[in-house]
Amino acid sequence: MATGGTIAGSSASATDSTNYRAGSIGVAALVDAVPQLLNVSNIDGMQVSNVDSGSITDDIVLLISKLANKALCGSDPEYDAVVVTHGTDTLEETAYTLDATLMCDKTVVVVGAMRPATAISADGPSNLLEAVTTAVSPASHGRGVLVVLNDRICQALYCAKTNANALDTFKAYEQGFVGGLLSTKPFFYYPPSQPTFKTVYDLSNVTSLPRVDVLYSHQMATFDGVNASVANGAKGFIGAGASHVKLSSSSSSADVELYAFDGIPVVASTKINNGVVAPDEDPAAGSYISSALLNPVKSRRLLQILLALGKNATEIREAFEEPMRSFLY
């Protein structure tokens, strides 16, 4: 399933790795550029979208999830694995969504590139070959959705982009890689297992995801825009806090807390992107919901999923907090 991104990008200059046009090459050309793929798998290509990943919408992500479930998890599945090509800027959001909504143990691999297809030493062809090789490997089964770039295999729940330019950008700093590739062949450091904090949700009857906005915290942060967000349809908020604590203590953060008390869920995450925002021992003690290990963008997607499924405030808090609370208290 091709969605666009740098892996499908092009430029007039072979040395241009910044001002190229993402999503300008179709799925057929991507596959044709790597003839070795046909030695690995029988491939059907589907063009889901062809945009830079900053233009990937909730509707596109929901469509990818439904298509992957139909292809792999139905009563008579047609495919053994799915590879999704994606721009790297929001790749972790789509990969996390697939990991949280795939209703079977078959393999989905999400792959991208940091250099456009026209660049000197473009990384896309190698990444795509390694992604397909990983997807069809029996050793990949039962590990959840995987992210493959730069000879590394990362589990989607924990994987995040860490550098705006470098090839070696996707990492799970605390949890580590689950495997790697040598001569395009995947190997794994551990037997198949699912992440401790993973839960899977059935979106088969969901037709859209509600709006959830992220509030970025900093010194003297103001959150005056929350009223406008609510007026324009926001059903929840994610706070990208300064560290492992909640949003900044500026006066306007009280406005956000009022919404939390008023039934609009507010999840406290951290802009640091690593570490834990720990839940209180008593679930009723705080107004904010703690994101535990999820960074802001993954917290946003989980909250969207829970709201779309009609979960109430108690159920939403439990989904975010209970796995970590069971370890701490």
C-alpha atoms as a PDB file:
ATOM      1  CA  MET A   1       0.000   0.000   0.000  1.00  0.00           C
ATOM      2  CA  ALA A   2       1.678   3.186  -1.177  1.00  0.00           C
ATOM      3  CA  THR A   3       0.773   6.491   0.470  1.00  0.00           C
ATOM      4  CA  GLY A   4       3.471   8.830  -0.890  1.00  0.00           C
ATOM      5  CA  GLY A   5       6.234  10.471   1.119  1.00  0.00           C
ATOM      6  CA  THR A   6       9.947  10.886   0.476  1.00  0.00           C
ATOM      7  CA  ILE A   7      10.276   7.271  -0.628  1.00  0.00           C
ATOM      8  CA  ALA A   8       8.075   8.305  -3.570  1.00  0.00           C
ATOM      9  CA  GLY A   9       9.683  11.743  -3.929  1.00  0.00           C
ATOM     10  CA  SER A  10      11.629  13.261  -6.799  1.00  0.00           C
ATOM     11  CA  SER A  11      13.775  16.278  -7.583  1.00  0.00           C
ATOM     12  CA  ALA A  12      15.499  17.739 -10.628  1.00  0.00           C
ATOM     13  CA  SER A  13      18.820  17.483  -8.771  1.00  0.00           C
ATOM     14  CA  ALA A  14      20.427  14.254  -7.592  1.00  0.00           C
ATOM     15  CA  THR A  15      21.998  16.146  -4.666  1.00  0.00           C
ATOM     16  CA  ASP A  16      18.735  17.656  -3.420  1.00  0.00           C
ATOM     17  CA  SER A  17      17.513  16.038  -0.214  1.00  0.00           C
ATOM     18  CA  THR A  18      15.457  18.942   1.143  1.00  0.00           C
ATOM     19  CA  ASN A  19      13.483  20.690  -1.618  1.00  0.00           C
ATOM     20  CA  TYR A  20      12.162  17.673  -3.494  1.00  0.00           C
ATOM     21  CA  ARG A  21       8.500  16.908  -4.216  1.00  0.00           C
ATOM     22  CA  ALA A  22       7.222  14.098  -2.009  1.00  0.00           C
ATOM     23  CA  GLY A  23       4.607  11.712  -3.317  1.00  0.00           C
ATOM     24  CA  SER A  24       5.366  12.168  -7.004  1.00  0.00           C
ATOM     25  CA  ILE A  25       6.124   8.541  -7.937  1.00  0.00           C
ATOM     26  CA  GLY A  26       3.425   5.871  -8.066  1.00  0.00           C
ATOM     27  CA  VAL A  27       3.411   2.419  -6.541  1.00  0.00           C
ATOM     28  CA  ALA A  28       4.085   0.679  -9.871  1.00  0.00           C
ATOM     29  CA  ALA A  29       7.264   2.694 -10.390  1.00  0.00           C
ATOM     30  CA  LEU A  30       8.382   2.009  -6.813  1.00  0.00           C
ATOM     31  CA  VAL A  31       8.063  -1.735  -7.350  1.00  0.00           C
ATOM     32  CA  ASP A  32       9.600  -1.653 -10.828  1.00  0.00           C
ATOM     33  CA  ALA A  33      12.649   0.164  -9.447  1.00  0.00           C
ATOM     34  CA  VAL A  34      13.464  -2.851  -7.253  1.00  0.00           C
ATOM     35  CA  PRO A  35      13.236  -5.937  -9.509  1.00  0.00           C
ATOM     36  CA  GLN A  36      14.646  -8.076  -6.688  1.00  0.00           C
ATOM     37  CA  LEU A  37      11.241  -7.792  -5.001  1.00  0.00           C
ATOM     38  CA  LEU A  38       9.862 -10.345  -7.436  1.00  0.00           C
ATOM     39  CA  ASN A  39      12.399 -12.875  -6.151  1.00  0.00           C
ATOM     40  CA  VAL A  40      10.974 -12.470  -2.666  1.00  0.00           C
ATOM     41  CA  SER A  41       7.218 -12.231  -3.025  1.00  0.00           C
ATOM     42  CA  ASN A  42       4.223 -12.039  -5.325  1.00  0.00           C
ATOM     43  CA  ILE A  43       3.224  -8.389  -5.022  1.00  0.00           C
ATOM     44  CA  ASP A  44       0.016  -6.479  -5.645  1.00  0.00           C
ATOM     45  CA  GLY A  45       0.425  -2.714  -5.484  1.00  0.00           C
ATOM     46  CA  MET A  46      -2.279  -0.365  -4.225  1.00  0.00           C
ATOM     47  CA  GLN A  47      -2.091   3.442  -4.362  1.00  0.00           C
ATOM     48  CA  VAL A  48      -3.946   4.546  -1.222  1.00  0.00           C
ATOM     49  CA  SER A  49      -2.716   8.141  -1.515  1.00  0.00           C
ATOM     50  CA  ASN A  50       0.324   9.951  -2.905  1.00  0.00           C
ATOM     51  CA  VAL A  51       1.124  12.867  -0.606  1.00  0.00           C
ATOM     52  CA  ASP A  52       3.782  13.957   1.852  1.00  0.00           C
ATOM     53  CA  SER A  53       3.083  12.444   5.245  1.00  0.00           C
ATOM     54  CA  GLY A  54       2.178  15.811   6.744  1.00  0.00           C
ATOM     55  CA  SER A  55      -0.878  15.662   4.478  1.00  0.00           C
ATOM     56  CA  ILE A  56      -1.958  12.194   5.607  1.00  0.00           C
ATOM     57  CA  THR A  57      -5.425  12.590   7.122  1.00  0.00           C
ATOM     58  CA  ASP A  58      -7.238  10.604   9.781  1.00  0.00           C
ATOM     59  CA  ASP A  59      -9.489   9.265   7.020  1.00  0.00           C
ATOM     60  CA  ILE A  60      -6.489   7.929   5.083  1.00  0.00           C
ATOM     61  CA  VAL A  61      -5.090   6.219   8.179  1.00  0.00           C
ATOM     62  CA  LEU A  62      -8.476   4.696   8.973  1.00  0.00           C
ATOM     63  CA  LEU A  63      -8.714   3.450   5.381  1.00  0.00           C
ATOM     64  CA  ILE A  64      -5.254   1.842   5.595  1.00  0.00           C
ATOM     65  CA  SER A  65      -6.292   0.065   8.792  1.00  0.00           C
ATOM     66  CA  LYS A  66      -9.482  -1.256   7.233  1.00  0.00           C
ATOM     67  CA  LEU A  67      -7.698  -2.366   4.057  1.00  0.00           C
ATOM     68  CA  ALA A  68      -4.990  -4.161   6.049  1.00  0.00           C
ATOM     69  CA  ASN A  69      -7.561  -5.963   8.170  1.00  0.00           C
ATOM     70  CA  LYS A  70      -9.531  -6.976   5.088  1.00  0.00           C
ATOM     71  CA  ALA A  71      -6.407  -8.220   3.305  1.00  0.00           C
ATOM     72  CA  LEU A  72      -5.003 -10.180   6.233  1.00  0.00           C
ATOM     73  CA  CYS A  73      -7.593 -10.905   8.893  1.00  0.00           C
ATOM     74  CA  GLY A  74     -10.859 -11.777   7.144  1.00  0.00           C
ATOM     75  CA  SER A  75     -12.474 -15.195   6.962  1.00  0.00           C
ATOM     76  CA  ASP A  76     -10.757 -15.871   3.628  1.00  0.00           C
ATOM     77  CA  PRO A  77      -7.681 -13.616   3.604  1.00  0.00           C
ATOM     78  CA  GLU A  78      -6.082 -13.053   0.231  1.00  0.00           C
ATOM     79  CA  TYR A  79      -2.641 -11.935   1.414  1.00  0.00           C
ATOM     80  CA  ASP A  80       0.098 -13.165   3.727  1.00  0.00           C
ATOM     81  CA  ALA A  81       1.529  -9.756   4.656  1.00  0.00           C
ATOM     82  CA  VAL A  82       1.167  -6.039   4.003  1.00  0.00           C
ATOM     83  CA  VAL A  83       3.847  -3.405   3.450  1.00  0.00           C
ATOM     84  CA  VAL A  84       2.879   0.261   3.739  1.00  0.00           C
ATOM     85  CA  THR A  85       5.178   2.863   2.166  1.00  0.00           C
ATOM     86  CA  HIS A  86       4.880   6.163   4.005  1.00  0.00           C
ATOM     87  CA  GLY A  87       6.502   9.530   4.537  1.00  0.00           C
ATOM     88  CA  THR A  88       8.676   9.524   7.635  1.00  0.00           C
ATOM     89  CA  ASP A  89       7.372  12.690   9.314  1.00  0.00           C
ATOM     90  CA  THR A  90       4.168  11.026  10.510  1.00  0.00           C
ATOM     91  CA  LEU A  91       5.087   7.390   9.873  1.00  0.00           C
ATOM     92  CA  GLU A  92       5.048   6.529  13.573  1.00  0.00           C
ATOM     93  CA  GLU A  93       1.430   7.698  13.871  1.00  0.00           C
ATOM     94  CA  THR A  94       0.194   5.428  11.094  1.00  0.00           C
ATOM     95  CA  ALA A  95       2.349   2.511  12.268  1.00  0.00           C
ATOM     96  CA  TYR A  96       1.037   2.857  15.824  1.00  0.00           C
ATOM     97  CA  THR A  97      -2.548   3.001  14.553  1.00  0.00           C
ATOM     98  CA  LEU A  98      -2.082  -0.205  12.579  1.00  0.00           C
ATOM     99  CA  ASP A  99      -0.484  -1.901  15.580  1.00  0.00           C
ATOM    100  CA  ALA A 100      -3.446  -0.899  17.744  1.00  0.00           C
ATOM    101  CA  THR A 101      -6.110  -1.990  15.239  1.00  0.00           C
ATOM    102  CA  LEU A 102      -4.838  -5.060  13.354  1.00  0.00           C
ATOM    103  CA  MET A 103      -7.076  -7.947  14.385  1.00  0.00           C
ATOM    104  CA  CYS A 104      -4.708 -10.850  13.637  1.00  0.00           C
ATOM    105  CA  ASP A 105      -1.072 -11.906  14.021  1.00  0.00           C
ATOM    106  CA  LYS A 106      -0.041 -11.534  10.390  1.00  0.00           C
ATOM    107  CA  THR A 107       2.780  -9.165   9.573  1.00  0.00           C
ATOM    108  CA  VAL A 108       2.439  -5.517   8.600  1.00  0.00           C
ATOM    109  CA  VAL A 109       5.609  -3.537   7.904  1.00  0.00           C
ATOM    110  CA  VAL A 110       5.681   0.243   7.520  1.00  0.00           C
ATOM    111  CA  VAL A 111       8.613   1.656   5.571  1.00  0.00           C
ATOM    112  CA  GLY A 112       9.835   5.029   4.360  1.00  0.00           C
ATOM    113  CA  ALA A 113      12.968   6.803   3.217  1.00  0.00           C
ATOM    114  CA  MET A 114      14.965   9.865   4.173  1.00  0.00           C
ATOM    115  CA  ARG A 115      16.165  10.627   0.642  1.00  0.00           C
ATOM    116  CA  PRO A 116      13.973  10.982  -2.451  1.00  0.00           C
ATOM    117  CA  ALA A 117      14.106   8.353  -5.161  1.00  0.00           C
ATOM    118  CA  THR A 118      16.147  10.650  -7.422  1.00  0.00           C
ATOM    119  CA  ALA A 119      18.910  11.301  -4.864  1.00  0.00           C
ATOM    120  CA  ILE A 120      22.438   9.949  -4.955  1.00  0.00           C
ATOM    121  CA  SER A 121      22.462   6.859  -2.720  1.00  0.00           C
ATOM    122  CA  ALA A 122      18.692   6.925  -2.307  1.00  0.00           C
ATOM    123  CA  ASP A 123      17.733   4.732   0.637  1.00  0.00           C
ATOM    124  CA  GLY A 124      14.200   3.955  -0.534  1.00  0.00           C
ATOM    125  CA  PRO A 125      14.898   0.946  -2.802  1.00  0.00           C
ATOM    126  CA  SER A 126      16.960  -0.853  -0.167  1.00  0.00           C
ATOM    127  CA  ASN A 127      14.437  -0.035   2.556  1.00  0.00           C
ATOM    128  CA  LEU A 128      11.568  -1.316   0.411  1.00  0.00           C
ATOM    129  CA  LEU A 129      13.345  -4.584  -0.373  1.00  0.00           C
ATOM    130  CA  GLU A 130      14.149  -5.091   3.302  1.00  0.00           C
ATOM    131  CA  ALA A 131      10.568  -4.277   4.292  1.00  0.00           C
ATOM    132  CA  VAL A 132       9.121  -6.859   1.909  1.00  0.00           C
ATOM    133  CA  THR A 133      11.721  -9.442   2.942  1.00  0.00           C
ATOM    134  CA  THR A 134      10.830  -8.838   6.583  1.00  0.00           C
ATOM    135  CA  ALA A 135       7.105  -8.966   5.880  1.00  0.00           C
ATOM    136  CA  VAL A 136       7.248 -12.399   4.228  1.00  0.00           C
ATOM    137  CA  SER A 137       9.590 -13.931   6.813  1.00  0.00           C
ATOM    138  CA  PRO A 138       7.850 -16.443   9.105  1.00  0.00           C
ATOM    139  CA  ALA A 139      10.057 -15.127  11.916  1.00  0.00           C
ATOM    140  CA  SER A 140       8.169 -11.811  11.761  1.00  0.00           C
ATOM    141  CA  HIS A 141       4.820 -13.318  12.752  1.00  0.00           C
ATOM    142  CA  GLY A 142       3.426 -12.512  16.178  1.00  0.00           C
ATOM    143  CA  ARG A 143       5.492  -9.376  16.730  1.00  0.00           C
ATOM    144  CA  GLY A 144       2.908  -6.743  15.911  1.00  0.00           C
ATOM    145  CA  VAL A 145       3.398  -4.046  13.308  1.00  0.00           C
ATOM    146  CA  LEU A 146       7.050  -3.422  12.453  1.00  0.00           C
ATOM    147  CA  VAL A 147       8.901  -0.363  11.158  1.00  0.00           C
ATOM    148  CA  VAL A 148      11.827  -1.150   8.840  1.00  0.00           C
ATOM    149  CA  LEU A 149      14.417   1.426   7.755  1.00  0.00           C
ATOM    150  CA  ASN A 150      18.188   1.534   7.503  1.00  0.00           C
ATOM    151  CA  ASP A 151      18.803  -2.156   8.303  1.00  0.00           C
ATOM    152  CA  ARG A 152      16.828  -1.875  11.548  1.00  0.00           C
ATOM    153  CA  ILE A 153      13.565  -3.460  12.702  1.00  0.00           C
ATOM    154  CA  CYS A 154      11.563  -1.547  15.285  1.00  0.00           C
ATOM    155  CA  GLN A 155       8.243  -2.345  16.991  1.00  0.00           C
ATOM    156  CA  ALA A 156       5.609   0.249  16.071  1.00  0.00           C
ATOM    157  CA  LEU A 157       4.352   0.945  19.593  1.00  0.00           C
ATOM    158  CA  TYR A 158       7.771   2.155  20.717  1.00  0.00           C
ATOM    159  CA  CYS A 159       9.336   3.405  17.479  1.00  0.00           C
ATOM    160  CA  ALA A 160       9.685   7.139  16.763  1.00  0.00           C
ATOM    161  CA  LYS A 161      11.490   9.439  14.355  1.00  0.00           C
ATOM    162  CA  THR A 162      14.414  11.044  16.174  1.00  0.00           C
ATOM    163  CA  ASN A 163      16.284  13.067  13.541  1.00  0.00           C
ATOM    164  CA  ALA A 164      14.940  15.314  10.794  1.00  0.00           C
ATOM    165  CA  ASN A 165      17.679  14.427   8.296  1.00  0.00           C
ATOM    166  CA  ALA A 166      19.776  11.378   9.198  1.00  0.00           C
ATOM    167  CA  LEU A 167      19.130   7.980   7.647  1.00  0.00           C
ATOM    168  CA  ASP A 168      19.318   6.280  11.041  1.00  0.00           C
ATOM    169  CA  THR A 169      16.343   8.205  12.386  1.00  0.00           C
ATOM    170  CA  PHE A 170      13.819   5.648  13.657  1.00  0.00           C
ATOM    171  CA  LYS A 171      14.644   4.372  17.115  1.00  0.00           C
ATOM    172  CA  ALA A 172      13.141   3.033  20.303  1.00  0.00           C
ATOM    173  CA  TYR A 173      15.606   4.556  22.730  1.00  0.00           C
ATOM    174  CA  GLU A 174      14.539   2.660  25.834  1.00  0.00           C
ATOM    175  CA  GLN A 175      13.044  -0.525  24.392  1.00  0.00           C
ATOM    176  CA  GLY A 176      15.583  -1.065  21.619  1.00  0.00           C
ATOM    177  CA  PHE A 177      15.317  -2.624  18.186  1.00  0.00           C
ATOM    178  CA  VAL A 178      13.707  -6.036  17.879  1.00  0.00           C
ATOM    179  CA  GLY A 179      15.969  -7.052  15.019  1.00  0.00           C
ATOM    180  CA  GLY A 180      18.040  -6.060  12.031  1.00  0.00           C
ATOM    181  CA  LEU A 181      18.884  -7.038   8.475  1.00  0.00           C
ATOM    182  CA  LEU A 182      22.023  -8.420   6.857  1.00  0.00           C
ATOM    183  CA  SER A 183      22.183  -8.825   3.084  1.00  0.00           C
ATOM    184  CA  THR A 184      18.465  -7.890   3.107  1.00  0.00           C
ATOM    185  CA  LYS A 185      17.668 -10.890   5.341  1.00  0.00           C
ATOM    186  CA  PRO A 186      15.909 -10.177   8.667  1.00  0.00           C
ATOM    187  CA  PHE A 187      17.073 -11.554  11.998  1.00  0.00           C
ATOM    188  CA  PHE A 188      15.564 -11.032  15.446  1.00  0.00           C
ATOM    189  CA  TYR A 189      17.094 -10.630  18.884  1.00  0.00           C
ATOM    190  CA  TYR A 190      14.159 -12.188  20.737  1.00  0.00           C
ATOM    191  CA  PRO A 191      11.421 -14.777  20.151  1.00  0.00           C
ATOM    192  CA  PRO A 192       8.076 -13.443  18.878  1.00  0.00           C
ATOM    193  CA  SER A 193       6.191 -11.416  21.466  1.00  0.00           C
ATOM    194  CA  GLN A 194       3.845  -8.466  21.731  1.00  0.00           C
ATOM    195  CA  PRO A 195       4.657  -5.284  23.684  1.00  0.00           C
ATOM    196  CA  THR A 196       3.571  -5.309  27.313  1.00  0.00           C
ATOM    197  CA  PHE A 197       1.506  -2.139  26.957  1.00  0.00           C
ATOM    198  CA  LYS A 198      -0.273  -3.038  23.713  1.00  0.00           C
ATOM    199  CA  THR A 199      -4.052  -3.256  23.347  1.00  0.00           C
ATOM    200  CA  VAL A 200      -5.892  -3.934  20.084  1.00  0.00           C
ATOM    201  CA  TYR A 201      -9.166  -2.236  19.153  1.00  0.00           C
ATOM    202  CA  ASP A 202     -11.690  -3.236  16.492  1.00  0.00           C
ATOM    203  CA  LEU A 203     -12.435  -0.296  14.171  1.00  0.00           C
ATOM    204  CA  SER A 204     -14.513  -2.262  11.677  1.00  0.00           C
ATOM    205  CA  ASN A 205     -17.637  -0.242  12.519  1.00  0.00           C
ATOM    206  CA  VAL A 206     -15.869   3.117  12.883  1.00  0.00           C
ATOM    207  CA  THR A 207     -16.346   5.512   9.967  1.00  0.00           C
ATOM    208  CA  SER A 208     -14.375   8.517  11.217  1.00  0.00           C
ATOM    209  CA  LEU A 209     -12.021   9.589  13.992  1.00  0.00           C
ATOM    210  CA  PRO A 210     -12.914  12.593  16.170  1.00  0.00           C
ATOM    211  CA  ARG A 211     -10.758  15.693  16.382  1.00  0.00           C
ATOM    212  CA  VAL A 212      -8.140  15.670  19.144  1.00  0.00           C
ATOM    213  CA  ASP A 213      -5.633  18.538  19.434  1.00  0.00           C
ATOM    214  CA  VAL A 214      -2.130  18.575  20.930  1.00  0.00           C
ATOM    215  CA  LEU A 215      -1.147  21.425  23.287  1.00  0.00           C
ATOM    216  CA  TYR A 216       2.593  22.130  23.370  1.00  0.00           C
ATOM    217  CA  SER A 217       3.929  23.264  26.743  1.00  0.00           C
ATOM    218  CA  HIS A 218       6.846  25.644  27.315  1.00  0.00           C
ATOM    219  CA  GLN A 219       7.895  28.436  29.676  1.00  0.00           C
ATOM    220  CA  MET A 220       4.985  30.856  30.132  1.00  0.00           C
ATOM    221  CA  ALA A 221       2.867  28.691  27.855  1.00  0.00           C
ATOM    222  CA  THR A 222      -0.630  29.917  27.154  1.00  0.00           C
ATOM    223  CA  PHE A 223      -3.454  27.696  26.063  1.00  0.00           C
ATOM    224  CA  ASP A 224      -5.901  30.379  25.024  1.00  0.00           C
ATOM    225  CA  GLY A 225      -6.683  28.440  21.870  1.00  0.00           C
ATOM    226  CA  VAL A 226      -8.430  25.606  23.690  1.00  0.00           C
ATOM    227  CA  ASN A 227     -11.743  27.458  23.648  1.00  0.00           C
ATOM    228  CA  ALA A 228     -11.484  27.896  19.876  1.00  0.00           C
ATOM    229  CA  SER A 229     -10.530  24.236  19.493  1.00  0.00           C
ATOM    230  CA  VAL A 230     -13.592  23.112  21.427  1.00  0.00           C
ATOM    231  CA  ALA A 231     -15.787  25.527  19.476  1.00  0.00           C
ATOM    232  CA  ASN A 232     -14.451  24.005  16.256  1.00  0.00           C
ATOM    233  CA  GLY A 233     -15.145  20.431  17.279  1.00  0.00           C
ATOM    234  CA  ALA A 234     -12.224  19.162  19.369  1.00  0.00           C
ATOM    235  CA  LYS A 235     -13.368  16.244  21.514  1.00  0.00           C
ATOM    236  CA  GLY A 236     -10.174  15.904  23.535  1.00  0.00           C
ATOM    237  CA  PHE A 237      -6.680  17.261  24.111  1.00  0.00           C
ATOM    238  CA  ILE A 238      -3.168  15.910  24.519  1.00  0.00           C
ATOM    239  CA  GLY A 239      -0.751  17.956  26.596  1.00  0.00           C
ATOM    240  CA  ALA A 240       2.859  17.761  25.377  1.00  0.00           C
ATOM    241  CA  GLY A 241       4.260  18.627  28.791  1.00  0.00           C
ATOM    242  CA  ALA A 242       7.714  19.800  29.783  1.00  0.00           C
ATOM    243  CA  SER A 243       8.832  16.480  31.253  1.00  0.00           C
ATOM    244  CA  HIS A 244       7.163  13.727  33.272  1.00  0.00           C
ATOM    245  CA  VAL A 245       4.825  16.284  34.859  1.00  0.00           C
ATOM    246  CA  LYS A 246       1.585  17.789  33.597  1.00  0.00           C
ATOM    247  CA  LEU A 247       1.164  20.960  31.565  1.00  0.00           C
ATOM    248  CA  SER A 248       2.950  24.144  32.646  1.00  0.00           C
ATOM    249  CA  SER A 249       1.538  25.954  35.665  1.00  0.00           C
ATOM    250  CA  SER A 250       0.606  29.114  33.761  1.00  0.00           C
ATOM    251  CA  SER A 251      -2.774  30.599  34.531  1.00  0.00           C
ATOM    252  CA  SER A 252      -4.277  29.506  31.226  1.00  0.00           C
ATOM    253  CA  SER A 253      -3.471  25.856  31.947  1.00  0.00           C
ATOM    254  CA  ALA A 254      -6.334  26.106  34.421  1.00  0.00           C
ATOM    255  CA  ASP A 255      -8.635  26.565  31.421  1.00  0.00           C
ATOM    256  CA  VAL A 256      -7.477  23.216  30.076  1.00  0.00           C
ATOM    257  CA  GLU A 257      -8.076  21.601  33.450  1.00  0.00           C
ATOM    258  CA  LEU A 258     -11.610  22.981  33.504  1.00  0.00           C
ATOM    259  CA  TYR A 259     -12.313  21.050  30.322  1.00  0.00           C
ATOM    260  CA  ALA A 260     -10.839  17.939  31.924  1.00  0.00           C
ATOM    261  CA  PHE A 261     -13.254  18.346  34.826  1.00  0.00           C
ATOM    262  CA  ASP A 262     -16.086  19.087  32.386  1.00  0.00           C
ATOM    263  CA  GLY A 263     -15.914  15.759  30.589  1.00  0.00           C
ATOM    264  CA  ILE A 264     -13.528  16.545  27.722  1.00  0.00           C
ATOM    265  CA  PRO A 265     -10.582  14.165  28.180  1.00  0.00           C
ATOM    266  CA  VAL A 266      -7.153  15.759  28.562  1.00  0.00           C
ATOM    267  CA  VAL A 267      -4.194  13.365  28.379  1.00  0.00           C
ATOM    268  CA  ALA A 268      -0.846  14.467  29.808  1.00  0.00           C
ATOM    269  CA  SER A 269       2.084  13.287  27.695  1.00  0.00           C
ATOM    270  CA  THR A 270       5.651  14.600  27.392  1.00  0.00           C
ATOM    271  CA  LYS A 271       7.346  16.503  24.596  1.00  0.00           C
ATOM    272  CA  ILE A 272      10.597  14.730  25.572  1.00  0.00           C
ATOM    273  CA  ASN A 273       9.262  11.691  23.662  1.00  0.00           C
ATOM    274  CA  ASN A 274      10.859   9.224  26.077  1.00  0.00           C
ATOM    275  CA  GLY A 275      10.120   8.244  29.638  1.00  0.00           C
ATOM    276  CA  VAL A 276       6.898   7.785  31.568  1.00  0.00           C
ATOM    277  CA  VAL A 277       4.123  10.152  32.588  1.00  0.00           C
ATOM    278  CA  ALA A 278       3.070   8.082  35.576  1.00  0.00           C
ATOM    279  CA  PRO A 279      -0.551   7.739  36.691  1.00  0.00           C
ATOM    280  CA  ASP A 280      -1.665   8.570  40.207  1.00  0.00           C
ATOM    281  CA  GLU A 281      -2.239   5.652  42.540  1.00  0.00           C
ATOM    282  CA  ASP A 282      -5.882   6.672  42.861  1.00  0.00           C
ATOM    283  CA  PRO A 283      -7.537   6.993  39.428  1.00  0.00           C
ATOM    284  CA  ALA A 284      -9.898   9.605  40.849  1.00  0.00           C
ATOM    285  CA  ALA A 285      -7.093  11.791  42.219  1.00  0.00           C
ATOM    286  CA  GLY A 286      -6.307  13.824  39.109  1.00  0.00           C
ATOM    287  CA  SER A 287      -8.134  15.654  36.377  1.00  0.00           C
ATOM    288  CA  TYR A 288      -5.609  14.828  33.659  1.00  0.00           C
ATOM    289  CA  ILE A 289      -5.176  11.338  32.252  1.00  0.00           C
ATOM    290  CA  SER A 290      -1.569  10.105  32.211  1.00  0.00           C
ATOM    291  CA  SER A 291      -0.206   8.851  28.892  1.00  0.00           C
ATOM    292  CA  ALA A 292       2.253   6.415  30.525  1.00  0.00           C
ATOM    293  CA  LEU A 293       4.717   5.480  27.724  1.00  0.00           C
ATOM    294  CA  LEU A 294       2.907   7.040  24.771  1.00  0.00           C
ATOM    295  CA  ASN A 295       4.345  10.183  23.208  1.00  0.00           C
ATOM    296  CA  PRO A 296       1.967  13.034  22.259  1.00  0.00           C
ATOM    297  CA  VAL A 297       1.122  11.915  18.709  1.00  0.00           C
ATOM    298  CA  LYS A 298       0.505   8.305  19.715  1.00  0.00           C
ATOM    299  CA  SER A 299      -1.526   9.484  22.710  1.00  0.00           C
ATOM    300  CA  ARG A 300      -3.603  11.551  20.308  1.00  0.00           C
ATOM    301  CA  ARG A 301      -4.337   8.551  18.127  1.00  0.00           C
ATOM    302  CA  LEU A 302      -5.262   6.309  21.056  1.00  0.00           C
ATOM    303  CA  LEU A 303      -7.634   8.958  22.404  1.00  0.00           C
ATOM    304  CA  GLN A 304      -9.219   9.274  18.956  1.00  0.00           C
ATOM    305  CA  ILE A 305      -9.725   5.509  18.809  1.00  0.00           C
ATOM    306  CA  LEU A 306     -11.265   5.354  22.277  1.00  0.00           C
ATOM    307  CA  LEU A 307     -13.599   8.274  21.583  1.00  0.00           C
ATOM    308  CA  ALA A 308     -14.629   6.779  18.235  1.00  0.00           C
ATOM    309  CA  LEU A 309     -15.540   3.556  20.036  1.00  0.00           C
ATOM    310  CA  GLY A 310     -17.742   5.489  22.462  1.00  0.00           C
ATOM    311  CA  LYS A 311     -15.635   4.854  25.564  1.00  0.00           C
ATOM    312  CA  ASN A 312     -16.600   6.860  28.636  1.00  0.00           C
ATOM    313  CA  ALA A 313     -14.224   8.876  30.833  1.00  0.00           C
ATOM    314  CA  THR A 314     -13.512   5.980  33.189  1.00  0.00           C
ATOM    315  CA  GLU A 315     -12.801   3.586  30.333  1.00  0.00           C
ATOM    316  CA  ILE A 316     -10.512   6.099  28.623  1.00  0.00           C
ATOM    317  CA  ARG A 317      -8.501   6.639  31.802  1.00  0.00           C
ATOM    318  CA  GLU A 318      -8.256   2.908  32.348  1.00  0.00           C
ATOM    319  CA  ALA A 319      -7.000   2.300  28.805  1.00  0.00           C
ATOM    320  CA  PHE A 320      -4.172   4.813  29.226  1.00  0.00           C
ATOM    321  CA  GLU A 321      -3.259   4.295  32.872  1.00  0.00           C
ATOM    322  CA  GLU A 322      -4.140   0.831  34.128  1.00  0.00           C
ATOM    323  CA  PRO A 323      -1.302  -1.153  32.488  1.00  0.00           C
ATOM    324  CA  MET A 324       1.332   1.097  34.091  1.00  0.00           C
ATOM    325  CA  ARG A 325      -0.588   1.461  37.362  1.00  0.00           C
ATOM    326  CA  SER A 326      -0.593  -2.316  37.759  1.00  0.00           C
ATOM    327  CA  PHE A 327       3.221  -2.203  37.843  1.00  0.00           C
ATOM    328  CA  LEU A 328       3.561   0.800  40.146  1.00  0.00           C
ATOM    329  CA  TYR A 329       1.006   0.304  42.907  1.00  0.00           C
END
